[in-house]
Amino acid sequence: MSDIKFGTDGWRGRIAEDYTFDNVRRCAQGFATYLGEEGFEGARVVVGYDRRFASEDFAAVAAEVLAGNGFHVLLTQGATPTPVISYSAVANKAAGAVNITASHNPPSDNGFKVRDIHGGAVDPMGLKRIEAAIPDTMEGVRNVPLEKALKEGSIEYLDPVPVYVEHLKDLVDMEKIKEAGLKIVHDPMWGNGIGWFDQITLKGGTNHFVAIHNVRNPIFPGMKRPEPIPPNIDEAMEKVKEVGADIGIVNDGDADRIGFIDEHGRFVDQLRSYALLTYYMLEVRGERGPIVKTISTTSMLNKLGEIYGVPVYETGVGFKYVAPKMVEVDAMIGGEESGGYAFRRNVPERDGILAGLYMLDFMLSTGKTPSQLIEQLFELVGPHYYNRIDVRFPNEKRPETKARMDAARPDKIAGLKVVGINTLDGYKFGMEDGGWLLVRFSGTEPIIRVYTETTREDLVQTILEEGLRIAGLKES
């Protein structure tokens, strides 16, 4: 039995090493106990999964345990995008959901995500309670075999597609997008986004789709991991240039995150994407309301907040912080640096399908290409440049590095005066140009991340290297 710890977004582990059927059963028992303590005995719970190795089998054993604890389980009929699973929890008035996915982790991993009654991430205190409720041995696990539960009706199969697609039609003008005549490259990264843009949400229109990596392959060939950033999207970027596409849309392995490629085949980084989607909500849709952002994402949102007179709330990294804050303040939009964005009138959950539709609508509503939209954004808030470095980092070195970062008080970084330090989640150094450097430990992998956003394009790499030196990961 593994010592299971819930990180930024649930539990993830290496398949067959610690991510085993019995450990998934233990997780499901912990979630069932938590739901019972919350007063949801006998309630519905949605269970879904991605296209990773054996995900459907791991989902089945999770469903068996929930059924064994008296819950009515709605088990998706096939691999289902994370945002669809989250919306299904709300649409079916469920107490929450279990999602078997490791999102954008390497192919060796799988995961166990939990969602609450709002379809959003469970807050940090709730995650601790679920973790504490996980039994140490299998003796504390109650389950009903799948076939028996199906016969008795405690588990039933759910087709989540129709309700979610109808929901999308309430949020965005699907017919306008269908008849736009756009040429779109879509890369679902061998994962749950397969078929969604070209076959389900936009079928029958005048758009021309070119899809790559659109069959199940749990080793994710051609990419380090199904995360929609370079170099994982290099093939998609080349395809956009090859076919002369208007835009490239890339979803991660479970389709809750998204990456965009402009008409020239250039990556639109996650911070620009978040600022663009926020600008779209404010300017095109006329929305008003709070913006929720993690500490690791763009300061362009703060500038947009000032211009449009809306508040901006900053949280720690992960939707376990973003989702509860969105619910608390009725946020217009919420998001994070890893390419996950959530929207009001949807669930407080990253939705890489809806985000893609909104970007298409932004282009059509303004008659502008992605690169022209970035230019328009920069005319309003000024140019901003971003990059990130991930370094594999053994956990045993964490105390030493943490002590080093606790003591770090640089006066200048890359020649720019440091004007403040924020330790909400990691170590964020604000600089005089309005940019920042952030050093933080990943909550899902043995990685230390160094990020920067600056108004000085020529200083991006220098700032990142100084961040590595401050953390002791590079010699001075």
Protein backbone atom coordinates (compact mmCIF):
# COMPACT_ATOMS: atom_id res chain seq x y z
CA MET A 1 0.00 0.00 0.00
CA SER A 2 1.34 3.44 -0.97
CA ASP A 3 1.23 6.51 1.23
CA ILE A 4 -1.15 8.53 -0.95
CA LYS A 5 -0.79 12.32 -0.97
CA PHE A 6 -3.14 14.69 -2.76
CA GLY A 7 -1.23 17.48 -4.54
CA THR A 8 -2.35 20.51 -6.53
CA ASP A 9 -5.15 18.64 -8.29
CA GLY A 10 -5.72 15.28 -6.63
CA TRP A 11 -3.39 12.27 -6.62
CA ARG A 12 -1.08 11.16 -9.39
CA GLY A 13 1.29 8.23 -9.44
CA ARG A 14 3.35 5.94 -11.63
CA ILE A 15 1.26 3.16 -13.13
CA ALA A 16 1.96 -0.27 -11.58
CA GLU A 17 4.47 1.20 -9.11
CA ASP A 18 2.13 3.09 -6.79
CA TYR A 19 -0.83 3.75 -9.10
CA THR A 20 -2.43 0.32 -8.73
CA PHE A 21 -6.00 -0.96 -8.68
CA ASP A 22 -5.94 -1.38 -4.91
CA ASN A 23 -4.63 2.14 -4.35
CA VAL A 24 -7.33 3.56 -6.61
CA ARG A 25 -9.87 1.61 -4.57
CA ARG A 26 -8.44 3.14 -1.38
CA CYS A 27 -8.71 6.64 -2.89
CA ALA A 28 -12.31 5.99 -3.88
CA GLN A 29 -13.06 4.83 -0.33
CA GLY A 30 -11.56 8.02 1.06
CA PHE A 31 -13.72 10.13 -1.28
CA ALA A 32 -16.82 8.10 -0.39
CA THR A 33 -16.17 8.62 3.33
CA TYR A 34 -15.67 12.36 2.76
CA LEU A 35 -18.93 12.66 0.78
CA GLY A 36 -20.76 10.82 3.55
CA GLU A 37 -19.35 13.22 6.14
CA GLU A 38 -20.60 16.09 3.96
CA GLY A 39 -24.13 14.70 4.13
CA PHE A 40 -24.32 13.24 0.63
CA GLU A 41 -25.13 9.62 1.55
CA GLY A 42 -26.81 7.86 -1.36
CA ALA A 43 -26.25 10.76 -3.76
CA ARG A 44 -25.20 10.53 -7.39
CA VAL A 45 -21.48 10.61 -8.24
CA VAL A 46 -20.10 10.89 -11.77
CA VAL A 47 -17.06 8.79 -12.68
CA GLY A 48 -15.14 9.45 -15.89
CA TYR A 49 -11.72 8.78 -17.38
CA ASP A 50 -9.18 9.65 -20.07
CA ARG A 51 -7.35 7.66 -22.78
CA ARG A 52 -4.29 6.71 -20.73
CA PHE A 53 -3.29 3.11 -20.14
CA ALA A 54 -6.13 1.15 -18.49
CA SER A 55 -8.00 4.32 -17.43
CA GLU A 56 -11.35 2.70 -18.15
CA ASP A 57 -10.43 -0.20 -15.83
CA PHE A 58 -9.28 2.11 -13.04
CA ALA A 59 -12.56 4.05 -13.43
CA ALA A 60 -14.53 0.83 -13.11
CA VAL A 61 -12.94 -0.11 -9.77
CA ALA A 62 -13.52 3.43 -8.45
CA ALA A 63 -17.18 3.11 -9.46
CA GLU A 64 -17.41 -0.25 -7.69
CA VAL A 65 -16.19 1.26 -4.42
CA LEU A 66 -18.54 4.25 -4.61
CA ALA A 67 -21.43 1.89 -5.30
CA GLY A 68 -20.31 -0.29 -2.40
CA ASN A 69 -20.67 2.75 -0.16
CA GLY A 70 -24.27 3.33 -1.19
CA PHE A 71 -23.77 5.98 -3.88
CA HIS A 72 -25.53 5.98 -7.25
CA VAL A 73 -22.71 6.04 -9.79
CA LEU A 74 -22.97 7.51 -13.28
CA LEU A 75 -20.05 5.95 -15.19
CA THR A 76 -19.24 7.59 -18.52
CA GLN A 77 -19.61 5.37 -21.57
CA GLY A 78 -16.22 6.33 -22.96
CA ALA A 79 -13.19 8.54 -22.49
CA THR A 80 -14.54 12.00 -21.65
CA PRO A 81 -12.92 15.46 -21.45
CA THR A 82 -12.44 16.70 -17.91
CA PRO A 83 -14.69 19.77 -18.40
CA VAL A 84 -17.50 17.51 -19.64
CA ILE A 85 -17.17 15.31 -16.56
CA SER A 86 -17.27 18.40 -14.37
CA TYR A 87 -20.34 19.79 -16.12
CA SER A 88 -22.01 16.38 -15.87
CA ALA A 89 -21.75 16.56 -12.07
CA VAL A 90 -23.81 19.76 -12.11
CA ALA A 91 -26.22 18.68 -14.86
CA ASN A 92 -27.00 15.44 -13.04
CA LYS A 93 -27.25 17.08 -9.59
CA ALA A 94 -24.42 14.88 -8.33
CA ALA A 95 -22.50 15.29 -5.08
CA GLY A 96 -19.28 15.38 -7.07
CA ALA A 97 -17.16 13.45 -9.52
CA VAL A 98 -14.12 11.21 -9.81
CA ASN A 99 -11.95 11.61 -12.89
CA ILE A 100 -9.28 9.06 -13.74
CA THR A 101 -6.64 11.14 -15.50
CA ALA A 102 -3.11 12.42 -15.09
CA SER A 103 -3.85 15.38 -17.37
CA HIS A 104 -0.53 16.49 -18.91
CA ASN A 105 1.79 14.26 -16.86
CA PRO A 106 4.20 11.84 -18.61
CA PRO A 107 2.75 8.64 -20.14
CA SER A 108 3.96 6.52 -17.21
CA ASP A 109 1.49 8.23 -14.86
CA ASN A 110 -2.21 8.16 -14.12
CA GLY A 111 -4.27 10.10 -11.62
CA PHE A 112 -7.33 10.39 -9.42
CA LYS A 113 -9.04 13.82 -9.56
CA VAL A 114 -12.07 14.71 -7.47
CA ARG A 115 -14.68 17.38 -8.12
CA ASP A 116 -17.28 18.95 -5.83
CA ILE A 117 -21.00 19.68 -6.17
CA HIS A 118 -20.21 22.76 -8.30
CA GLY A 119 -18.13 20.69 -10.73
CA GLY A 120 -14.98 22.48 -9.54
CA ALA A 121 -11.86 21.35 -7.74
CA VAL A 122 -12.25 20.41 -4.08
CA ASP A 123 -10.69 23.06 -1.85
CA PRO A 124 -7.39 22.37 0.00
CA MET A 125 -9.08 21.56 3.32
CA GLY A 126 -11.42 19.11 1.59
CA LEU A 127 -8.48 17.42 -0.12
CA LYS A 128 -6.77 16.99 3.24
CA ARG A 129 -9.92 15.41 4.66
CA ILE A 130 -10.19 12.99 1.71
CA GLU A 131 -6.52 12.09 2.12
CA ALA A 132 -7.02 11.50 5.86
CA ALA A 133 -10.03 9.24 5.15
CA ILE A 134 -8.07 6.89 2.85
CA PRO A 135 -7.79 3.52 4.64
CA ASP A 136 -4.32 2.12 5.25
CA THR A 137 -5.30 -1.34 4.03
CA MET A 138 -7.88 -2.93 1.75
CA GLU A 139 -9.81 -4.14 4.80
CA GLY A 140 -11.40 -0.70 5.06
CA VAL A 141 -12.64 -0.71 1.44
CA ARG A 142 -16.25 -1.56 0.55
CA ASN A 143 -17.15 -2.38 -3.03
CA VAL A 144 -19.70 -4.08 -5.27
CA PRO A 145 -18.57 -5.92 -8.45
CA LEU A 146 -19.35 -3.94 -11.60
CA GLU A 147 -21.68 -6.44 -13.22
CA LYS A 148 -23.70 -6.86 -10.03
CA ALA A 149 -23.90 -3.09 -9.51
CA LEU A 150 -25.06 -2.58 -13.11
CA LYS A 151 -27.73 -5.23 -12.67
CA GLU A 152 -28.90 -3.72 -9.39
CA GLY A 153 -28.82 -0.18 -10.79
CA SER A 154 -26.30 1.30 -8.34
CA ILE A 155 -24.04 1.91 -11.34
CA GLU A 156 -25.40 3.06 -14.68
CA TYR A 157 -23.69 4.22 -17.83
CA LEU A 158 -23.88 7.90 -18.74
CA ASP A 159 -23.61 9.55 -22.14
CA PRO A 160 -22.48 13.05 -21.11
CA VAL A 161 -22.18 14.48 -24.63
CA PRO A 162 -25.70 15.73 -25.54
CA VAL A 163 -26.29 17.79 -22.39
CA TYR A 164 -22.85 19.38 -22.56
CA VAL A 165 -23.19 20.28 -26.25
CA GLU A 166 -26.59 21.90 -25.59
CA HIS A 167 -24.95 23.83 -22.76
CA LEU A 168 -22.29 25.14 -25.15
CA LYS A 169 -25.01 26.48 -27.42
CA ASP A 170 -26.24 28.65 -24.54
CA LEU A 171 -22.77 30.15 -24.11
CA VAL A 172 -21.56 30.84 -27.64
CA ASP A 173 -23.11 31.25 -31.11
CA MET A 174 -22.29 27.84 -32.50
CA GLU A 175 -23.96 28.46 -35.87
CA LYS A 176 -21.82 31.54 -36.51
CA ILE A 177 -18.69 29.52 -35.78
CA LYS A 178 -19.87 26.56 -37.88
CA GLU A 179 -20.37 28.76 -40.94
CA ALA A 180 -17.16 30.80 -40.55
CA GLY A 181 -15.20 29.05 -43.29
CA LEU A 182 -12.05 28.89 -41.15
CA LYS A 183 -9.16 26.53 -41.68
CA ILE A 184 -8.29 25.08 -38.28
CA VAL A 185 -5.55 22.69 -37.19
CA HIS A 186 -6.54 20.71 -34.10
CA ASP A 187 -4.14 18.61 -32.03
CA PRO A 188 -5.85 16.67 -29.20
CA MET A 189 -2.50 15.13 -28.22
CA TRP A 190 -3.75 11.54 -28.49
CA GLY A 191 -6.23 12.32 -25.73
CA ASN A 192 -9.76 13.21 -24.74
CA GLY A 193 -10.14 16.13 -27.13
CA ILE A 194 -10.29 13.72 -30.07
CA GLY A 195 -13.30 14.54 -32.24
CA TRP A 196 -14.68 17.39 -30.20
CA PHE A 197 -14.01 20.36 -32.43
CA ASP A 198 -14.24 18.70 -35.83
CA GLN A 199 -16.89 16.03 -35.31
CA ILE A 200 -19.13 17.01 -32.42
CA THR A 201 -19.33 20.74 -31.75
CA LEU A 202 -18.78 21.99 -35.31
CA LYS A 203 -19.96 19.14 -37.53
CA GLY A 204 -21.74 20.08 -40.75
CA GLY A 205 -20.37 23.61 -41.12
CA THR A 206 -18.05 25.28 -43.62
CA ASN A 207 -14.85 25.10 -41.59
CA HIS A 208 -11.98 22.96 -42.80
CA PHE A 209 -10.31 20.87 -40.10
CA VAL A 210 -6.91 19.28 -40.16
CA ALA A 211 -6.50 16.95 -37.18
CA ILE A 212 -3.25 15.37 -36.00
CA HIS A 213 -2.57 12.95 -33.12
CA ASN A 214 -6.29 12.12 -33.15
CA VAL A 215 -6.29 8.44 -32.16
CA ARG A 216 -5.70 6.88 -28.77
CA ASN A 217 -2.05 6.24 -28.01
CA PRO A 218 -1.18 6.29 -24.29
CA ILE A 219 2.57 6.65 -24.86
CA PHE A 220 1.99 10.05 -26.58
CA PRO A 221 4.55 9.54 -29.37
CA GLY A 222 6.30 12.60 -30.72
CA MET A 223 5.99 14.60 -27.51
CA LYS A 224 7.47 14.53 -24.03
CA ARG A 225 4.02 14.71 -22.48
CA PRO A 226 0.53 15.83 -23.55
CA GLU A 227 1.03 19.42 -22.38
CA PRO A 228 0.06 22.09 -24.96
CA ILE A 229 3.35 24.01 -24.99
CA PRO A 230 6.54 23.72 -27.08
CA PRO A 231 8.27 21.43 -27.84
CA ASN A 232 5.26 19.15 -27.47
CA ILE A 233 3.32 21.18 -30.05
CA ASP A 234 6.12 21.60 -32.60
CA GLU A 235 4.39 19.29 -35.09
CA ALA A 236 1.14 21.24 -34.76
CA MET A 237 2.99 24.52 -35.34
CA GLU A 238 4.52 23.12 -38.52
CA LYS A 239 1.14 21.83 -39.67
CA VAL A 240 -0.43 25.31 -39.28
CA LYS A 241 2.24 26.74 -41.58
CA GLU A 242 2.03 23.82 -44.01
CA VAL A 243 -1.72 24.07 -44.62
CA GLY A 244 -2.05 27.85 -44.18
CA ALA A 245 -4.44 27.55 -41.25
CA ASP A 246 -6.13 30.51 -39.61
CA ILE A 247 -5.41 29.13 -36.15
CA GLY A 248 -4.09 26.05 -34.39
CA ILE A 249 -5.86 24.68 -31.33
CA VAL A 250 -4.10 22.18 -29.05
CA ASN A 251 -5.70 20.41 -26.10
CA ASP A 252 -3.80 18.54 -23.41
CA GLY A 253 -4.45 14.88 -22.66
CA ASP A 254 -7.73 15.39 -20.80
CA ALA A 255 -8.81 18.53 -22.74
CA ASP A 256 -9.14 20.87 -19.79
CA ARG A 257 -6.15 22.93 -20.93
CA ILE A 258 -5.57 24.60 -24.27
CA GLY A 259 -2.79 26.11 -26.35
CA PHE A 260 -3.16 28.37 -29.37
CA ILE A 261 -1.00 28.77 -32.48
CA ASP A 262 -1.34 31.92 -34.56
CA GLU A 263 -1.78 32.06 -38.33
CA HIS A 264 2.00 32.22 -38.81
CA GLY A 265 2.58 28.97 -36.92
CA ARG A 266 3.82 30.74 -33.77
CA PHE A 267 2.85 29.65 -30.29
CA VAL A 268 0.65 32.06 -28.35
CA ASP A 269 1.93 31.56 -24.82
CA GLN A 270 -0.46 30.77 -21.97
CA LEU A 271 -0.23 34.22 -20.38
CA ARG A 272 -1.12 35.97 -23.62
CA SER A 273 -3.93 33.47 -24.16
CA TYR A 274 -5.39 34.21 -20.74
CA ALA A 275 -5.15 37.96 -21.31
CA LEU A 276 -6.78 37.59 -24.75
CA LEU A 277 -9.69 35.55 -23.39
CA THR A 278 -10.19 38.08 -20.59
CA TYR A 279 -10.06 40.96 -23.09
CA TYR A 280 -12.66 39.12 -25.20
CA MET A 281 -14.99 38.71 -22.23
CA LEU A 282 -14.68 42.40 -21.32
CA GLU A 283 -14.64 44.04 -24.72
CA VAL A 284 -16.62 41.77 -27.07
CA ARG A 285 -19.10 40.16 -24.70
CA GLY A 286 -19.40 43.17 -22.39
CA GLU A 287 -19.00 41.01 -19.29
CA ARG A 288 -18.11 42.56 -15.96
CA GLY A 289 -17.02 40.82 -12.81
CA PRO A 290 -13.97 39.68 -10.87
CA ILE A 291 -10.94 38.08 -12.47
CA VAL A 292 -9.27 35.24 -10.55
CA LYS A 293 -5.64 34.46 -11.38
CA THR A 294 -2.93 32.32 -9.87
CA ILE A 295 0.32 33.86 -8.70
CA SER A 296 2.10 32.36 -11.72
CA THR A 297 0.07 34.06 -14.44
CA THR A 298 0.05 37.38 -16.19
CA SER A 299 0.09 40.89 -14.77
CA MET A 300 -1.73 41.96 -17.94
CA LEU A 301 -4.88 40.90 -16.08
CA ASN A 302 -4.21 43.49 -13.39
CA LYS A 303 -3.93 46.15 -16.08
CA LEU A 304 -7.16 45.00 -17.72
CA GLY A 305 -8.83 45.07 -14.31
CA GLU A 306 -7.78 48.70 -13.84
CA ILE A 307 -8.89 49.73 -17.34
CA TYR A 308 -12.32 48.09 -17.12
CA GLY A 309 -12.91 48.70 -13.41
CA VAL A 310 -13.13 45.08 -12.27
CA PRO A 311 -11.35 43.50 -9.27
CA VAL A 312 -8.55 40.97 -9.64
CA TYR A 313 -7.96 38.24 -7.05
CA GLU A 314 -4.68 36.31 -6.87
CA THR A 315 -4.47 32.76 -5.51
CA GLY A 316 -1.96 29.95 -5.10
CA VAL A 317 -1.28 27.67 -8.07
CA GLY A 318 -3.95 25.12 -8.92
CA PHE A 319 -7.68 25.07 -9.41
CA LYS A 320 -8.12 23.85 -5.84
CA TYR A 321 -7.55 27.55 -5.08
CA VAL A 322 -9.02 29.11 -8.23
CA ALA A 323 -12.36 27.23 -8.26
CA PRO A 324 -13.42 28.05 -4.66
CA LYS A 325 -12.45 31.70 -5.19
CA MET A 326 -14.48 31.86 -8.40
CA VAL A 327 -17.53 30.54 -6.59
CA GLU A 328 -16.97 32.90 -3.65
CA VAL A 329 -16.74 36.10 -5.73
CA ASP A 330 -18.87 35.06 -8.74
CA ALA A 331 -15.88 35.56 -11.02
CA MET A 332 -16.22 36.38 -14.69
CA ILE A 333 -13.14 34.31 -15.52
CA GLY A 334 -10.50 32.33 -13.68
CA GLY A 335 -7.29 30.74 -14.83
CA GLU A 336 -3.70 29.72 -14.38
CA GLU A 337 -0.37 29.74 -16.16
CA SER A 338 -0.60 26.14 -17.38
CA GLY A 339 -3.26 26.95 -19.99
CA GLY A 340 -6.41 26.27 -17.97
CA TYR A 341 -9.24 28.83 -18.09
CA ALA A 342 -12.72 28.78 -16.53
CA PHE A 343 -15.71 31.00 -17.26
CA ARG A 344 -18.83 32.29 -15.55
CA ARG A 345 -22.09 30.46 -16.44
CA ASN A 346 -20.03 27.32 -16.92
CA VAL A 347 -18.55 25.24 -14.10
CA PRO A 348 -15.59 26.67 -12.12
CA GLU A 349 -13.29 24.28 -13.93
CA ARG A 350 -10.74 24.55 -16.74
CA ASP A 351 -12.49 24.01 -20.06
CA GLY A 352 -10.25 23.63 -23.09
CA ILE A 353 -13.23 23.12 -25.39
CA LEU A 354 -15.17 26.24 -24.43
CA ALA A 355 -11.95 28.30 -24.39
CA GLY A 356 -11.28 27.23 -27.97
CA LEU A 357 -14.78 28.22 -29.08
CA TYR A 358 -14.45 31.60 -27.36
CA MET A 359 -11.18 32.28 -29.18
CA LEU A 360 -12.79 31.42 -32.51
CA ASP A 361 -15.67 33.75 -31.67
CA PHE A 362 -13.18 36.49 -30.75
CA MET A 363 -11.61 36.21 -34.22
CA LEU A 364 -14.98 36.25 -35.97
CA SER A 365 -16.44 39.09 -33.88
CA THR A 366 -13.45 41.36 -34.59
CA GLY A 367 -12.43 40.14 -38.04
CA LYS A 368 -8.86 39.83 -36.77
CA THR A 369 -6.27 37.07 -36.87
CA PRO A 370 -4.66 35.78 -33.65
CA SER A 371 -1.52 37.87 -34.21
CA GLN A 372 -3.63 40.98 -34.83
CA LEU A 373 -5.55 40.34 -31.61
CA ILE A 374 -2.25 40.20 -29.71
CA GLU A 375 -1.21 43.51 -31.27
CA GLN A 376 -4.52 45.04 -30.23
CA LEU A 377 -4.08 43.72 -26.68
CA PHE A 378 -0.54 45.15 -26.49
CA GLU A 379 -1.78 48.55 -27.67
CA LEU A 380 -3.95 48.52 -24.55
CA VAL A 381 -1.66 47.05 -21.86
CA GLY A 382 1.81 47.19 -23.41
CA PRO A 383 3.93 44.26 -24.67
CA HIS A 384 4.64 41.42 -22.24
CA TYR A 385 7.03 38.48 -22.68
CA TYR A 386 7.01 35.18 -20.80
CA ASN A 387 8.87 31.91 -20.47
CA ARG A 388 9.35 29.08 -17.98
CA ILE A 389 12.04 26.52 -17.18
CA ASP A 390 11.27 23.19 -15.48
CA VAL A 391 14.10 21.38 -13.70
CA ARG A 392 13.83 17.80 -12.41
CA PHE A 393 14.31 18.08 -8.69
CA PRO A 394 14.71 15.25 -6.13
CA ASN A 395 12.45 15.74 -3.12
CA GLU A 396 15.29 15.13 -0.67
CA LYS A 397 16.88 18.43 -1.78
CA ARG A 398 13.71 20.40 -1.15
CA PRO A 399 14.48 21.49 2.47
CA GLU A 400 17.90 22.81 1.47
CA THR A 401 16.52 24.73 -1.50
CA LYS A 402 13.57 26.04 0.48
CA ALA A 403 15.92 27.43 3.12
CA ARG A 404 17.99 29.06 0.39
CA MET A 405 14.89 30.67 -1.14
CA ASP A 406 13.59 31.79 2.25
CA ALA A 407 16.81 33.74 2.73
CA ALA A 408 17.00 35.17 -0.81
CA ARG A 409 16.67 38.96 -0.94
CA PRO A 410 18.17 40.12 -4.26
CA ASP A 411 18.31 43.88 -4.83
CA LYS A 412 18.26 43.51 -8.59
CA ILE A 413 17.45 40.80 -11.13
CA ALA A 414 18.88 41.19 -14.65
CA GLY A 415 19.65 44.79 -13.78
CA LEU A 416 16.04 45.54 -12.78
CA LYS A 417 15.34 46.69 -9.24
CA VAL A 418 13.35 44.20 -7.11
CA VAL A 419 10.37 46.08 -5.64
CA GLY A 420 8.69 43.31 -3.64
CA ILE A 421 8.53 39.61 -2.72
CA ASN A 422 5.34 37.52 -2.63
CA THR A 423 5.46 34.10 -0.92
CA LEU A 424 1.81 33.13 -1.38
CA ASP A 425 2.89 30.06 -3.38
CA GLY A 426 6.60 29.93 -4.07
CA TYR A 427 8.87 32.97 -4.26
CA LYS A 428 7.76 35.76 -6.58
CA PHE A 429 10.06 38.75 -7.03
CA GLY A 430 8.36 41.85 -8.45
CA MET A 431 10.56 44.06 -10.62
CA GLU A 432 10.53 47.75 -11.43
CA ASP A 433 9.32 47.27 -15.02
CA GLY A 434 6.13 45.64 -13.74
CA GLY A 435 7.45 42.17 -14.53
CA TRP A 436 8.23 39.34 -12.13
CA LEU A 437 10.30 36.22 -11.48
CA LEU A 438 8.72 33.22 -9.73
CA VAL A 439 10.47 30.14 -8.30
CA ARG A 440 8.22 27.39 -6.95
CA PHE A 441 8.05 23.64 -6.34
CA SER A 442 5.53 21.74 -8.48
CA GLY A 443 2.62 20.31 -6.54
CA THR A 444 2.21 17.33 -8.89
CA GLU A 445 5.72 16.29 -9.95
CA PRO A 446 9.32 16.27 -8.60
CA ILE A 447 10.07 19.48 -10.47
CA ILE A 448 11.09 23.02 -9.56
CA ARG A 449 9.70 25.67 -11.92
CA VAL A 450 11.22 29.05 -12.72
CA TYR A 451 8.92 31.53 -14.50
CA THR A 452 9.16 35.10 -15.66
CA GLU A 453 7.01 37.73 -17.31
CA THR A 454 8.64 41.01 -18.28
CA THR A 455 8.12 44.00 -20.53
CA ARG A 456 11.70 43.53 -21.78
CA GLU A 457 11.90 40.80 -24.43
CA ASP A 458 15.70 40.93 -24.41
CA LEU A 459 15.83 40.04 -20.70
CA VAL A 460 13.61 36.94 -20.57
CA GLN A 461 16.39 34.35 -20.70
CA THR A 462 18.67 36.37 -18.41
CA ILE A 463 15.94 36.62 -15.75
CA LEU A 464 15.29 32.87 -15.92
CA GLU A 465 19.00 32.11 -15.52
CA GLU A 466 19.21 34.41 -12.52
CA GLY A 467 16.23 32.58 -11.05
CA LEU A 468 18.13 29.29 -11.41
CA ARG A 469 21.15 30.83 -9.67
CA ILE A 470 19.04 32.21 -6.83
CA ALA A 471 17.62 28.70 -6.28
CA GLY A 472 21.09 27.17 -6.39
CA LEU A 473 20.34 25.24 -9.57
CA LYS A 474 23.04 27.00 -11.58
CA GLU A 475 26.50 28.24 -10.64
CA SER A 476 27.01 31.99 -10.34
